[in-house]
Amino acid sequence: MENALMACKGPLITVFGGTYIYLLAKLIIYTVNSSSEPFVWMLMIGGGAALLLLAPALAAFLLQPAVYLLAALFAGVGALISR
């Protein structure tokens, strides 16, 4: 089960990290294009980054049972194959 969880962990971290970086880049581009004030940039980018950190944390909390079920499925298939 631990190996199956480790196998699921890599792609999930990649998906969450990639999504965070993509959305943060889109936020920065939107902020720079919509305002010419550096103070507004700081507030919008800082606030947006804080909100973008909360959204994946909530998604990870809600998806945790599905990840464990997927890991159990991987562990079960691995146990059947190794027999």
N, C-alpha and C. Protein backbone atom coordinates (compact mmCIF):
# COMPACT_ATOMS: atom_id res chain seq x y z
N MET A 1 0.82 -1.19 0.00
CA MET A 1 0.00 0.00 0.00
C MET A 1 0.87 1.26 0.00
N GLU A 2 1.98 1.20 0.73
CA GLU A 2 2.85 2.37 0.80
C GLU A 2 3.47 2.67 -0.57
N ASN A 3 3.87 1.63 -1.29
CA ASN A 3 4.43 1.84 -2.63
C ASN A 3 3.37 2.41 -3.58
N ALA A 4 2.13 1.95 -3.43
CA ALA A 4 1.06 2.48 -4.28
C ALA A 4 0.79 3.95 -3.97
N LEU A 5 0.84 4.31 -2.69
CA LEU A 5 0.66 5.72 -2.33
C LEU A 5 1.79 6.58 -2.88
N MET A 6 3.00 6.06 -2.85
CA MET A 6 4.14 6.80 -3.41
C MET A 6 4.00 6.95 -4.92
N ALA A 7 3.43 5.93 -5.58
CA ALA A 7 3.24 6.01 -7.03
C ALA A 7 2.17 7.05 -7.37
N CYS A 8 1.17 7.21 -6.51
CA CYS A 8 0.12 8.21 -6.75
C CYS A 8 0.58 9.61 -6.38
N LYS A 9 1.53 9.70 -5.45
CA LYS A 9 1.95 11.00 -4.94
C LYS A 9 2.65 11.84 -6.00
N GLY A 10 3.50 11.23 -6.79
CA GLY A 10 4.25 11.97 -7.80
C GLY A 10 3.37 12.67 -8.82
N PRO A 11 2.46 11.95 -9.48
CA PRO A 11 1.57 12.63 -10.45
C PRO A 11 0.67 13.67 -9.80
N LEU A 12 0.21 13.41 -8.58
CA LEU A 12 -0.66 14.39 -7.92
C LEU A 12 0.08 15.67 -7.59
N ILE A 13 1.31 15.55 -7.11
CA ILE A 13 2.10 16.75 -6.83
C ILE A 13 2.37 17.51 -8.12
N THR A 14 2.63 16.78 -9.20
CA THR A 14 2.88 17.42 -10.49
C THR A 14 1.64 18.17 -10.97
N VAL A 15 0.48 17.55 -10.84
CA VAL A 15 -0.76 18.20 -11.29
C VAL A 15 -1.06 19.44 -10.45
N PHE A 16 -0.99 19.30 -9.13
CA PHE A 16 -1.29 20.45 -8.27
C PHE A 16 -0.25 21.56 -8.44
N GLY A 17 1.02 21.21 -8.51
CA GLY A 17 2.06 22.22 -8.70
C GLY A 17 1.98 22.91 -10.04
N GLY A 18 1.74 22.13 -11.09
CA GLY A 18 1.61 22.71 -12.42
C GLY A 18 0.42 23.63 -12.54
N THR A 19 -0.69 23.22 -11.95
CA THR A 19 -1.89 24.06 -11.97
C THR A 19 -1.65 25.36 -11.20
N TYR A 20 -0.99 25.27 -10.06
CA TYR A 20 -0.70 26.47 -9.27
C TYR A 20 0.20 27.43 -10.04
N ILE A 21 1.24 26.92 -10.64
CA ILE A 21 2.16 27.78 -11.39
C ILE A 21 1.46 28.41 -12.59
N TYR A 22 0.63 27.63 -13.29
CA TYR A 22 -0.10 28.16 -14.45
C TYR A 22 -1.06 29.27 -14.03
N LEU A 23 -1.84 29.03 -12.98
CA LEU A 23 -2.80 30.04 -12.54
C LEU A 23 -2.11 31.28 -11.99
N LEU A 24 -0.99 31.10 -11.31
CA LEU A 24 -0.25 32.25 -10.81
C LEU A 24 0.33 33.08 -11.95
N ALA A 25 0.82 32.41 -12.99
CA ALA A 25 1.33 33.14 -14.16
C ALA A 25 0.20 33.91 -14.85
N LYS A 26 -0.98 33.27 -14.98
CA LYS A 26 -2.12 33.97 -15.58
C LYS A 26 -2.53 35.18 -14.74
N LEU A 27 -2.49 35.04 -13.41
CA LEU A 27 -2.82 36.15 -12.52
C LEU A 27 -1.83 37.29 -12.68
N ILE A 28 -0.56 36.97 -12.76
CA ILE A 28 0.47 38.01 -12.91
C ILE A 28 0.30 38.74 -14.23
N ILE A 29 0.06 38.00 -15.31
CA ILE A 29 -0.13 38.63 -16.61
C ILE A 29 -1.36 39.53 -16.61
N TYR A 30 -2.45 39.05 -16.02
CA TYR A 30 -3.67 39.86 -15.94
C TYR A 30 -3.44 41.11 -15.11
N THR A 31 -2.75 40.98 -13.98
CA THR A 31 -2.51 42.12 -13.10
C THR A 31 -1.66 43.17 -13.78
N VAL A 32 -0.59 42.76 -14.43
CA VAL A 32 0.30 43.73 -15.07
C VAL A 32 -0.39 44.42 -16.23
N ASN A 33 -1.24 43.69 -16.96
CA ASN A 33 -1.94 44.29 -18.09
C ASN A 33 -3.09 45.20 -17.68
N SER A 34 -3.67 44.96 -16.49
CA SER A 34 -4.86 45.73 -16.11
C SER A 34 -4.56 46.96 -15.27
N SER A 35 -3.35 47.08 -14.72
CA SER A 35 -3.05 48.22 -13.88
C SER A 35 -1.61 48.67 -14.10
N SER A 36 -1.39 49.97 -13.85
CA SER A 36 -0.04 50.49 -14.00
C SER A 36 0.59 50.85 -12.65
N GLU A 37 -0.12 50.59 -11.56
CA GLU A 37 0.38 50.91 -10.22
C GLU A 37 1.09 49.71 -9.60
N PRO A 38 2.35 49.86 -9.23
CA PRO A 38 3.07 48.74 -8.60
C PRO A 38 2.46 48.29 -7.27
N PHE A 39 1.85 49.22 -6.53
CA PHE A 39 1.22 48.84 -5.27
C PHE A 39 0.01 47.93 -5.52
N VAL A 40 -0.74 48.24 -6.56
CA VAL A 40 -1.88 47.39 -6.93
C VAL A 40 -1.38 46.02 -7.38
N TRP A 41 -0.28 46.01 -8.09
CA TRP A 41 0.31 44.72 -8.50
C TRP A 41 0.62 43.87 -7.27
N MET A 42 1.25 44.52 -6.29
CA MET A 42 1.64 43.78 -5.08
C MET A 42 0.41 43.22 -4.36
N LEU A 43 -0.63 44.05 -4.23
CA LEU A 43 -1.83 43.59 -3.54
C LEU A 43 -2.54 42.48 -4.31
N MET A 44 -2.70 42.66 -5.61
CA MET A 44 -3.42 41.66 -6.40
C MET A 44 -2.65 40.36 -6.50
N ILE A 45 -1.35 40.43 -6.73
CA ILE A 45 -0.55 39.21 -6.86
C ILE A 45 -0.43 38.52 -5.50
N GLY A 46 -0.20 39.28 -4.44
CA GLY A 46 -0.09 38.69 -3.10
C GLY A 46 -1.39 38.06 -2.64
N GLY A 47 -2.49 38.78 -2.82
CA GLY A 47 -3.79 38.22 -2.44
C GLY A 47 -4.17 37.03 -3.30
N GLY A 48 -3.90 37.13 -4.58
CA GLY A 48 -4.20 36.01 -5.47
C GLY A 48 -3.37 34.78 -5.17
N ALA A 49 -2.10 35.00 -4.83
CA ALA A 49 -1.25 33.85 -4.47
C ALA A 49 -1.74 33.19 -3.19
N ALA A 50 -2.20 34.00 -2.23
CA ALA A 50 -2.74 33.43 -0.99
C ALA A 50 -4.00 32.62 -1.27
N LEU A 51 -4.87 33.13 -2.10
CA LEU A 51 -6.09 32.38 -2.45
C LEU A 51 -5.76 31.14 -3.26
N LEU A 52 -4.77 31.24 -4.13
CA LEU A 52 -4.38 30.07 -4.92
C LEU A 52 -3.73 28.99 -4.05
N LEU A 53 -3.19 29.36 -2.92
CA LEU A 53 -2.65 28.35 -2.00
C LEU A 53 -3.77 27.64 -1.24
N LEU A 54 -4.85 28.35 -0.96
CA LEU A 54 -5.95 27.74 -0.23
C LEU A 54 -6.77 26.79 -1.11
N ALA A 55 -6.93 27.11 -2.37
CA ALA A 55 -7.75 26.28 -3.25
C ALA A 55 -7.18 24.87 -3.44
N PRO A 56 -5.88 24.68 -3.74
CA PRO A 56 -5.37 23.31 -3.84
C PRO A 56 -5.37 22.56 -2.51
N ALA A 57 -5.22 23.28 -1.40
CA ALA A 57 -5.27 22.62 -0.10
C ALA A 57 -6.66 22.07 0.14
N LEU A 58 -7.68 22.83 -0.20
CA LEU A 58 -9.06 22.35 -0.06
C LEU A 58 -9.33 21.19 -1.02
N ALA A 59 -8.84 21.31 -2.24
CA ALA A 59 -9.04 20.22 -3.22
C ALA A 59 -8.34 18.95 -2.76
N ALA A 60 -7.13 19.08 -2.23
CA ALA A 60 -6.40 17.90 -1.74
C ALA A 60 -7.14 17.26 -0.57
N PHE A 61 -7.71 18.08 0.31
CA PHE A 61 -8.47 17.55 1.44
C PHE A 61 -9.71 16.80 0.95
N LEU A 62 -10.38 17.34 -0.04
CA LEU A 62 -11.59 16.70 -0.55
C LEU A 62 -11.29 15.46 -1.39
N LEU A 63 -10.15 15.44 -2.07
CA LEU A 63 -9.80 14.31 -2.93
C LEU A 63 -9.03 13.21 -2.20
N GLN A 64 -8.71 13.41 -0.94
CA GLN A 64 -7.90 12.43 -0.21
C GLN A 64 -8.53 11.03 -0.17
N PRO A 65 -9.84 10.88 0.07
CA PRO A 65 -10.41 9.53 0.05
C PRO A 65 -10.27 8.85 -1.32
N ALA A 66 -10.41 9.63 -2.38
CA ALA A 66 -10.27 9.05 -3.73
C ALA A 66 -8.83 8.61 -3.98
N VAL A 67 -7.86 9.35 -3.45
CA VAL A 67 -6.46 8.97 -3.62
C VAL A 67 -6.18 7.67 -2.88
N TYR A 68 -6.73 7.53 -1.67
CA TYR A 68 -6.53 6.28 -0.93
C TYR A 68 -7.20 5.09 -1.62
N LEU A 69 -8.37 5.31 -2.19
CA LEU A 69 -9.03 4.23 -2.94
C LEU A 69 -8.21 3.84 -4.17
N LEU A 70 -7.67 4.83 -4.86
CA LEU A 70 -6.83 4.55 -6.02
C LEU A 70 -5.56 3.81 -5.62
N ALA A 71 -4.97 4.20 -4.50
CA ALA A 71 -3.78 3.51 -4.01
C ALA A 71 -4.11 2.08 -3.61
N ALA A 72 -5.27 1.87 -3.00
CA ALA A 72 -5.68 0.51 -2.63
C ALA A 72 -5.90 -0.34 -3.88
N LEU A 73 -6.45 0.27 -4.91
CA LEU A 73 -6.64 -0.44 -6.18
C LEU A 73 -5.29 -0.82 -6.79
N PHE A 74 -4.33 0.12 -6.79
CA PHE A 74 -2.98 -0.17 -7.29
C PHE A 74 -2.32 -1.28 -6.47
N ALA A 75 -2.48 -1.20 -5.14
CA ALA A 75 -1.88 -2.23 -4.28
C ALA A 75 -2.51 -3.58 -4.53
N GLY A 76 -3.82 -3.62 -4.73
CA GLY A 76 -4.49 -4.88 -5.02
C GLY A 76 -4.06 -5.48 -6.34
N VAL A 77 -3.96 -4.66 -7.37
CA VAL A 77 -3.50 -5.16 -8.67
C VAL A 77 -2.05 -5.61 -8.57
N GLY A 78 -1.24 -4.85 -7.83
CA GLY A 78 0.16 -5.25 -7.65
C GLY A 78 0.28 -6.56 -6.91
N ALA A 79 -0.57 -6.79 -5.93
CA ALA A 79 -0.54 -8.05 -5.18
C ALA A 79 -0.97 -9.22 -6.07
N LEU A 80 -1.96 -8.98 -6.93
CA LEU A 80 -2.40 -10.04 -7.84
C LEU A 80 -1.33 -10.37 -8.89
N ILE A 81 -0.65 -9.35 -9.36
CA ILE A 81 0.36 -9.56 -10.38
C ILE A 81 1.58 -10.28 -9.80
N SER A 82 1.94 -9.95 -8.56
CA SER A 82 3.16 -10.51 -7.97
C SER A 82 2.98 -11.96 -7.51
N ARG A 83 1.79 -12.48 -7.52
CA ARG A 83 1.57 -13.88 -7.10
C ARG A 83 2.09 -14.83 -8.08
